[in-house]
């Protein structure tokens, strides 16, 4: 087992634990929408401040969070409107905290990709793409399985396993890949270097 893979697995396991904890917290508290919204909002504020403290470019992850939050919320609106899935125990169509969930989904995967890419001794394009595809397919799915188990929402697509449909796994992955692609174009246009979105 090469050192690159060992380091990547170390970061991956740490972030897997984080997504499990986050999903359990949302699963346990989802009926308390305001409380969950405050918790997630504080987490976003902490994350943005951490970028400043670490002297990272704050603009790129903030753009990523806002674009992902907006796109994700629009998809959620139409998905629930047309009955593809439904959120439970709320008196509105969508939970109040949903925009923040999508925002954090971006920063979560962006941070993991950053850590892995910085640790690679030979960061080839194919190797990076392999990690990106693995991250966008696995991590949202794990979070969804846990929150669905706690009764946060239900999908009405066929061929589900543990409450999740292959259709939704691919769709969520495509959202994150699309956001990354759009922001990478923005970085290139603005000559902004970013280890994930515009490394050259």
C-alpha atoms as a PDB file:
ATOM      1  CA  UNK A   1       0.000   0.000   0.000  1.00  0.00           C
ATOM      2  CA  UNK A   2       1.628   3.277  -1.093  1.00  0.00           C
ATOM      3  CA  UNK A   3       1.986   6.286   1.197  1.00  0.00           C
ATOM      4  CA  UNK A   4      -0.380   8.443  -0.887  1.00  0.00           C
ATOM      5  CA  UNK A   5      -3.211   5.967  -0.403  1.00  0.00           C
ATOM      6  CA  UNK A   6      -2.502   5.603   3.331  1.00  0.00           C
ATOM      7  CA  UNK A   7      -2.639   9.365   3.881  1.00  0.00           C
ATOM      8  CA  UNK A   8      -5.766   9.694   1.735  1.00  0.00           C
ATOM      9  CA  UNK A   9      -7.451   6.915   3.708  1.00  0.00           C
ATOM     10  CA  UNK A  10      -6.533   8.602   6.988  1.00  0.00           C
ATOM     11  CA  UNK A  11      -8.213  11.851   5.882  1.00  0.00           C
ATOM     12  CA  UNK A  12     -11.153   9.911   4.451  1.00  0.00           C
ATOM     13  CA  UNK A  13     -11.818   8.010   7.682  1.00  0.00           C
ATOM     14  CA  UNK A  14     -11.683  11.215   9.725  1.00  0.00           C
ATOM     15  CA  UNK A  15     -14.191  12.879   7.407  1.00  0.00           C
ATOM     16  CA  UNK A  16     -16.347   9.767   7.308  1.00  0.00           C
ATOM     17  CA  UNK A  17     -16.633   9.989  11.093  1.00  0.00           C
ATOM     18  CA  UNK A  18     -17.545  13.678  10.748  1.00  0.00           C
ATOM     19  CA  UNK A  19     -20.331  13.002   8.253  1.00  0.00           C
ATOM     20  CA  UNK A  20     -21.706  10.208  10.447  1.00  0.00           C
ATOM     21  CA  UNK A  21     -21.780  12.506  13.489  1.00  0.00           C
ATOM     22  CA  UNK A  22     -23.391  15.345  11.495  1.00  0.00           C
ATOM     23  CA  UNK A  23     -26.045  13.006  10.078  1.00  0.00           C
ATOM     24  CA  UNK A  24     -26.844  11.605  13.539  1.00  0.00           C
ATOM     25  CA  UNK A  25     -27.183  15.124  14.982  1.00  0.00           C
ATOM     26  CA  UNK A  26     -29.579  16.144  12.195  1.00  0.00           C
ATOM     27  CA  UNK A  27     -31.423  12.831  12.532  1.00  0.00           C
ATOM     28  CA  UNK A  28     -31.946  13.313  16.257  1.00  0.00           C
ATOM     29  CA  UNK A  29     -32.840  17.000  16.123  1.00  0.00           C
ATOM     30  CA  UNK A  30     -34.569  17.444  12.749  1.00  0.00           C
ATOM     31  CA  UNK A  31     -37.954  18.180  14.327  1.00  0.00           C
ATOM     32  CA  UNK A  32     -36.365  21.198  16.029  1.00  0.00           C
ATOM     33  CA  UNK A  33     -35.810  23.105  12.786  1.00  0.00           C
ATOM     34  CA  UNK A  34     -34.723  26.376  14.347  1.00  0.00           C
ATOM     35  CA  UNK A  35     -32.161  24.681  16.586  1.00  0.00           C
ATOM     36  CA  UNK A  36     -30.691  22.711  13.670  1.00  0.00           C
ATOM     37  CA  UNK A  37     -30.571  25.897  11.552  1.00  0.00           C
ATOM     38  CA  UNK A  38     -28.669  27.740  14.309  1.00  0.00           C
ATOM     39  CA  UNK A  39     -26.215  24.856  14.775  1.00  0.00           C
ATOM     40  CA  UNK A  40     -25.501  24.617  11.053  1.00  0.00           C
ATOM     41  CA  UNK A  41     -25.273  28.409  10.708  1.00  0.00           C
ATOM     42  CA  UNK A  42     -22.686  28.529  13.500  1.00  0.00           C
ATOM     43  CA  UNK A  43     -20.776  25.731  11.825  1.00  0.00           C
ATOM     44  CA  UNK A  44     -20.663  27.704   8.562  1.00  0.00           C
ATOM     45  CA  UNK A  45     -19.466  30.831  10.400  1.00  0.00           C
ATOM     46  CA  UNK A  46     -16.748  28.773  12.102  1.00  0.00           C
ATOM     47  CA  UNK A  47     -15.677  27.265   8.781  1.00  0.00           C
ATOM     48  CA  UNK A  48     -15.403  30.666   7.067  1.00  0.00           C
ATOM     49  CA  UNK A  49     -13.408  32.063   9.979  1.00  0.00           C
ATOM     50  CA  UNK A  50     -11.138  28.995   9.831  1.00  0.00           C
ATOM     51  CA  UNK A  51     -10.326  29.771   6.198  1.00  0.00           C
ATOM     52  CA  UNK A  52      -9.278  33.271   7.278  1.00  0.00           C
ATOM     53  CA  UNK A  53      -7.188  31.998  10.190  1.00  0.00           C
ATOM     54  CA  UNK A  54      -5.445  29.480   7.934  1.00  0.00           C
ATOM     55  CA  UNK A  55      -4.875  32.275   5.381  1.00  0.00           C
ATOM     56  CA  UNK A  56      -6.787  30.432   2.684  1.00  0.00           C
ATOM     57  CA  UNK A  57      -8.760  32.092  -0.084  1.00  0.00           C
ATOM     58  CA  UNK A  58     -12.182  32.659   1.499  1.00  0.00           C
ATOM     59  CA  UNK A  59     -13.916  33.746  -1.717  1.00  0.00           C
ATOM     60  CA  UNK A  60     -13.786  30.390  -3.525  1.00  0.00           C
ATOM     61  CA  UNK A  61     -15.321  28.204  -0.774  1.00  0.00           C
ATOM     62  CA  UNK A  62     -17.945  30.875  -0.018  1.00  0.00           C
ATOM     63  CA  UNK A  63     -18.936  31.012  -3.699  1.00  0.00           C
ATOM     64  CA  UNK A  64     -19.050  27.212  -3.707  1.00  0.00           C
ATOM     65  CA  UNK A  65     -21.262  27.140  -0.628  1.00  0.00           C
ATOM     66  CA  UNK A  66     -23.675  29.760  -1.973  1.00  0.00           C
ATOM     67  CA  UNK A  67     -23.955  28.171  -5.422  1.00  0.00           C
ATOM     68  CA  UNK A  68     -24.404  24.689  -3.957  1.00  0.00           C
ATOM     69  CA  UNK A  69     -26.912  25.944  -1.386  1.00  0.00           C
ATOM     70  CA  UNK A  70     -28.973  27.729  -4.036  1.00  0.00           C
ATOM     71  CA  UNK A  71     -28.871  24.932  -6.608  1.00  0.00           C
ATOM     72  CA  UNK A  72     -29.565  22.265  -4.001  1.00  0.00           C
ATOM     73  CA  UNK A  73     -32.539  24.161  -2.547  1.00  0.00           C
ATOM     74  CA  UNK A  74     -34.065  24.684  -6.009  1.00  0.00           C
ATOM     75  CA  UNK A  75     -33.722  20.958  -6.748  1.00  0.00           C
ATOM     76  CA  UNK A  76     -35.248  20.110  -3.369  1.00  0.00           C
ATOM     77  CA  UNK A  77     -38.180  22.447  -4.038  1.00  0.00           C
ATOM     78  CA  UNK A  78     -39.094  20.840  -7.343  1.00  0.00           C
ATOM     79  CA  UNK A  79     -38.308  17.320  -6.122  1.00  0.00           C
ATOM     80  CA  UNK A  80     -40.755  17.637  -3.238  1.00  0.00           C
ATOM     81  CA  UNK A  81     -43.274  19.582  -5.329  1.00  0.00           C
ATOM     82  CA  UNK A  82     -43.540  16.741  -7.843  1.00  0.00           C
ATOM     83  CA  UNK A  83     -43.574  14.054  -5.159  1.00  0.00           C
ATOM     84  CA  UNK A  84     -40.181  12.426  -5.746  1.00  0.00           C
ATOM     85  CA  UNK A  85     -39.428  12.697  -2.032  1.00  0.00           C
ATOM     86  CA  UNK A  86     -40.999  14.162   1.105  1.00  0.00           C
ATOM     87  CA  UNK A  87     -39.716  15.653   4.353  1.00  0.00           C
ATOM     88  CA  UNK A  88     -41.491  14.529   7.506  1.00  0.00           C
ATOM     89  CA  UNK A  89     -42.664  16.240  10.690  1.00  0.00           C
ATOM     90  CA  UNK A  90     -42.539  19.776   9.291  1.00  0.00           C
ATOM     91  CA  UNK A  91     -45.337  22.223   8.471  1.00  0.00           C
ATOM     92  CA  UNK A  92     -43.548  23.605   5.396  1.00  0.00           C
ATOM     93  CA  UNK A  93     -42.548  22.036   2.098  1.00  0.00           C
ATOM     94  CA  UNK A  94     -38.840  22.203   2.935  1.00  0.00           C
ATOM     95  CA  UNK A  95     -36.976  22.339   6.267  1.00  0.00           C
ATOM     96  CA  UNK A  96     -35.601  25.724   7.292  1.00  0.00           C
ATOM     97  CA  UNK A  97     -32.081  24.377   7.602  1.00  0.00           C
ATOM     98  CA  UNK A  98     -31.887  22.820   4.132  1.00  0.00           C
ATOM     99  CA  UNK A  99     -29.954  25.658   2.481  1.00  0.00           C
ATOM    100  CA  UNK A 100     -27.266  25.353   5.175  1.00  0.00           C
ATOM    101  CA  UNK A 101     -27.067  21.575   4.722  1.00  0.00           C
ATOM    102  CA  UNK A 102     -26.236  21.995   1.054  1.00  0.00           C
ATOM    103  CA  UNK A 103     -23.730  24.750   1.841  1.00  0.00           C
ATOM    104  CA  UNK A 104     -21.938  22.511   4.315  1.00  0.00           C
ATOM    105  CA  UNK A 105     -21.999  19.625   1.846  1.00  0.00           C
ATOM    106  CA  UNK A 106     -19.849  21.693  -0.494  1.00  0.00           C
ATOM    107  CA  UNK A 107     -17.344  22.849   2.107  1.00  0.00           C
ATOM    108  CA  UNK A 108     -17.135  19.339   3.561  1.00  0.00           C
ATOM    109  CA  UNK A 109     -16.136  17.743   0.259  1.00  0.00           C
ATOM    110  CA  UNK A 110     -13.986  20.703  -0.790  1.00  0.00           C
ATOM    111  CA  UNK A 111     -12.014  20.498   2.465  1.00  0.00           C
ATOM    112  CA  UNK A 112     -11.491  16.754   2.139  1.00  0.00           C
ATOM    113  CA  UNK A 113     -10.370  17.099  -1.475  1.00  0.00           C
ATOM    114  CA  UNK A 114      -7.970  19.885  -0.435  1.00  0.00           C
ATOM    115  CA  UNK A 115      -6.400  17.767   2.295  1.00  0.00           C
ATOM    116  CA  UNK A 116      -6.021  14.737   0.032  1.00  0.00           C
ATOM    117  CA  UNK A 117      -4.625  16.687  -2.935  1.00  0.00           C
ATOM    118  CA  UNK A 118      -2.084  18.507  -0.764  1.00  0.00           C
ATOM    119  CA  UNK A 119      -0.856  15.179   0.612  1.00  0.00           C
ATOM    120  CA  UNK A 120      -0.344  13.504  -2.782  1.00  0.00           C
ATOM    121  CA  UNK A 121       3.298  13.125  -3.786  1.00  0.00           C
ATOM    122  CA  UNK A 122       2.352  12.850  -7.469  1.00  0.00           C
ATOM    123  CA  UNK A 123      -1.028  14.594  -7.895  1.00  0.00           C
ATOM    124  CA  UNK A 124      -1.886  13.407 -11.408  1.00  0.00           C
ATOM    125  CA  UNK A 125      -5.190  14.410 -13.013  1.00  0.00           C
ATOM    126  CA  UNK A 126      -6.438  10.803 -13.118  1.00  0.00           C
ATOM    127  CA  UNK A 127      -5.632  10.273  -9.456  1.00  0.00           C
ATOM    128  CA  UNK A 128      -7.439  13.468  -8.457  1.00  0.00           C
ATOM    129  CA  UNK A 129     -10.503  12.539 -10.492  1.00  0.00           C
ATOM    130  CA  UNK A 130     -10.569   9.116  -8.860  1.00  0.00           C
ATOM    131  CA  UNK A 131     -10.682  10.678  -5.396  1.00  0.00           C
ATOM    132  CA  UNK A 132     -13.246  13.313  -6.428  1.00  0.00           C
ATOM    133  CA  UNK A 133     -15.645  10.720  -7.862  1.00  0.00           C
ATOM    134  CA  UNK A 134     -15.265   8.526  -4.772  1.00  0.00           C
ATOM    135  CA  UNK A 135     -15.965  11.466  -2.448  1.00  0.00           C
ATOM    136  CA  UNK A 136     -19.049  12.812  -4.257  1.00  0.00           C
ATOM    137  CA  UNK A 137     -20.554   9.326  -4.552  1.00  0.00           C
ATOM    138  CA  UNK A 138     -19.843   7.934  -1.084  1.00  0.00           C
ATOM    139  CA  UNK A 139     -20.096  10.756   1.455  1.00  0.00           C
ATOM    140  CA  UNK A 140     -23.513  12.233   0.549  1.00  0.00           C
ATOM    141  CA  UNK A 141     -24.890   8.678   0.359  1.00  0.00           C
ATOM    142  CA  UNK A 142     -23.675   7.816   3.869  1.00  0.00           C
ATOM    143  CA  UNK A 143     -25.230  10.997   5.258  1.00  0.00           C
ATOM    144  CA  UNK A 144     -28.513  10.316   3.481  1.00  0.00           C
ATOM    145  CA  UNK A 145     -28.760   6.699   4.668  1.00  0.00           C
ATOM    146  CA  UNK A 146     -28.365   7.797   8.297  1.00  0.00           C
ATOM    147  CA  UNK A 147     -30.821  10.713   8.157  1.00  0.00           C
ATOM    148  CA  UNK A 148     -33.389   8.622   6.275  1.00  0.00           C
ATOM    149  CA  UNK A 149     -33.056   5.945   8.968  1.00  0.00           C
ATOM    150  CA  UNK A 150     -33.989   8.580  11.560  1.00  0.00           C
ATOM    151  CA  UNK A 151     -37.102   9.502   9.543  1.00  0.00           C
ATOM    152  CA  UNK A 152     -36.041  12.916   8.231  1.00  0.00           C
ATOM    153  CA  UNK A 153     -37.428  12.204   4.750  1.00  0.00           C
ATOM    154  CA  UNK A 154     -38.461   9.450   2.335  1.00  0.00           C
ATOM    155  CA  UNK A 155     -37.596   8.917  -1.316  1.00  0.00           C
ATOM    156  CA  UNK A 156     -40.310   7.590  -3.623  1.00  0.00           C
ATOM    157  CA  UNK A 157     -37.969   6.386  -6.352  1.00  0.00           C
ATOM    158  CA  UNK A 158     -37.860   2.624  -7.131  1.00  0.00           C
ATOM    159  CA  UNK A 159     -34.935   0.269  -6.508  1.00  0.00           C
ATOM    160  CA  UNK A 160     -34.002   1.729  -3.150  1.00  0.00           C
ATOM    161  CA  UNK A 161     -31.426   0.255  -0.801  1.00  0.00           C
ATOM    162  CA  UNK A 162     -31.355   1.489   2.805  1.00  0.00           C
ATOM    163  CA  UNK A 163     -33.816   4.165   1.685  1.00  0.00           C
ATOM    164  CA  UNK A 164     -31.583   5.595  -1.055  1.00  0.00           C
ATOM    165  CA  UNK A 165     -32.089   5.204  -4.803  1.00  0.00           C
ATOM    166  CA  UNK A 166     -29.155   4.875  -7.254  1.00  0.00           C
ATOM    167  CA  UNK A 167     -30.846   7.694  -9.171  1.00  0.00           C
ATOM    168  CA  UNK A 168     -30.424  10.098  -6.256  1.00  0.00           C
ATOM    169  CA  UNK A 169     -26.831   9.031  -5.604  1.00  0.00           C
ATOM    170  CA  UNK A 170     -25.860   9.878  -9.173  1.00  0.00           C
ATOM    171  CA  UNK A 171     -27.931  13.095  -9.192  1.00  0.00           C
ATOM    172  CA  UNK A 172     -26.336  14.474  -6.015  1.00  0.00           C
ATOM    173  CA  UNK A 173     -22.873  13.573  -7.301  1.00  0.00           C
ATOM    174  CA  UNK A 174     -23.629  15.407 -10.545  1.00  0.00           C
ATOM    175  CA  UNK A 175     -24.674  18.539  -8.634  1.00  0.00           C
ATOM    176  CA  UNK A 176     -21.360  18.672  -6.800  1.00  0.00           C
ATOM    177  CA  UNK A 177     -19.343  17.921  -9.933  1.00  0.00           C
ATOM    178  CA  UNK A 178     -21.204  20.651 -11.829  1.00  0.00           C
ATOM    179  CA  UNK A 179     -20.558  23.217  -9.088  1.00  0.00           C
ATOM    180  CA  UNK A 180     -16.857  22.301  -9.012  1.00  0.00           C
ATOM    181  CA  UNK A 181     -16.648  22.598 -12.780  1.00  0.00           C
ATOM    182  CA  UNK A 182     -18.338  26.018 -12.876  1.00  0.00           C
ATOM    183  CA  UNK A 183     -16.128  27.396 -10.100  1.00  0.00           C
ATOM    184  CA  UNK A 184     -13.006  25.992 -11.745  1.00  0.00           C
ATOM    185  CA  UNK A 185     -13.886  27.984 -14.882  1.00  0.00           C
ATOM    186  CA  UNK A 186     -14.343  31.087 -12.718  1.00  0.00           C
ATOM    187  CA  UNK A 187     -10.927  30.495 -11.096  1.00  0.00           C
ATOM    188  CA  UNK A 188      -9.240  30.156 -14.475  1.00  0.00           C
ATOM    189  CA  UNK A 189     -10.900  33.314 -15.800  1.00  0.00           C
ATOM    190  CA  UNK A 190      -9.802  35.244 -12.709  1.00  0.00           C
ATOM    191  CA  UNK A 191      -6.367  33.574 -12.499  1.00  0.00           C
ATOM    192  CA  UNK A 192      -7.147  32.336  -8.992  1.00  0.00           C
ATOM    193  CA  UNK A 193      -5.050  29.366  -7.923  1.00  0.00           C
ATOM    194  CA  UNK A 194      -6.781  26.669  -5.915  1.00  0.00           C
ATOM    195  CA  UNK A 195      -5.416  23.246  -5.057  1.00  0.00           C
ATOM    196  CA  UNK A 196      -8.755  21.603  -5.951  1.00  0.00           C
ATOM    197  CA  UNK A 197     -10.408  23.810  -8.532  1.00  0.00           C
ATOM    198  CA  UNK A 198      -7.485  25.418 -10.358  1.00  0.00           C
ATOM    199  CA  UNK A 199      -4.139  23.930  -9.280  1.00  0.00           C
ATOM    200  CA  UNK A 200      -2.137  25.126 -12.288  1.00  0.00           C
END
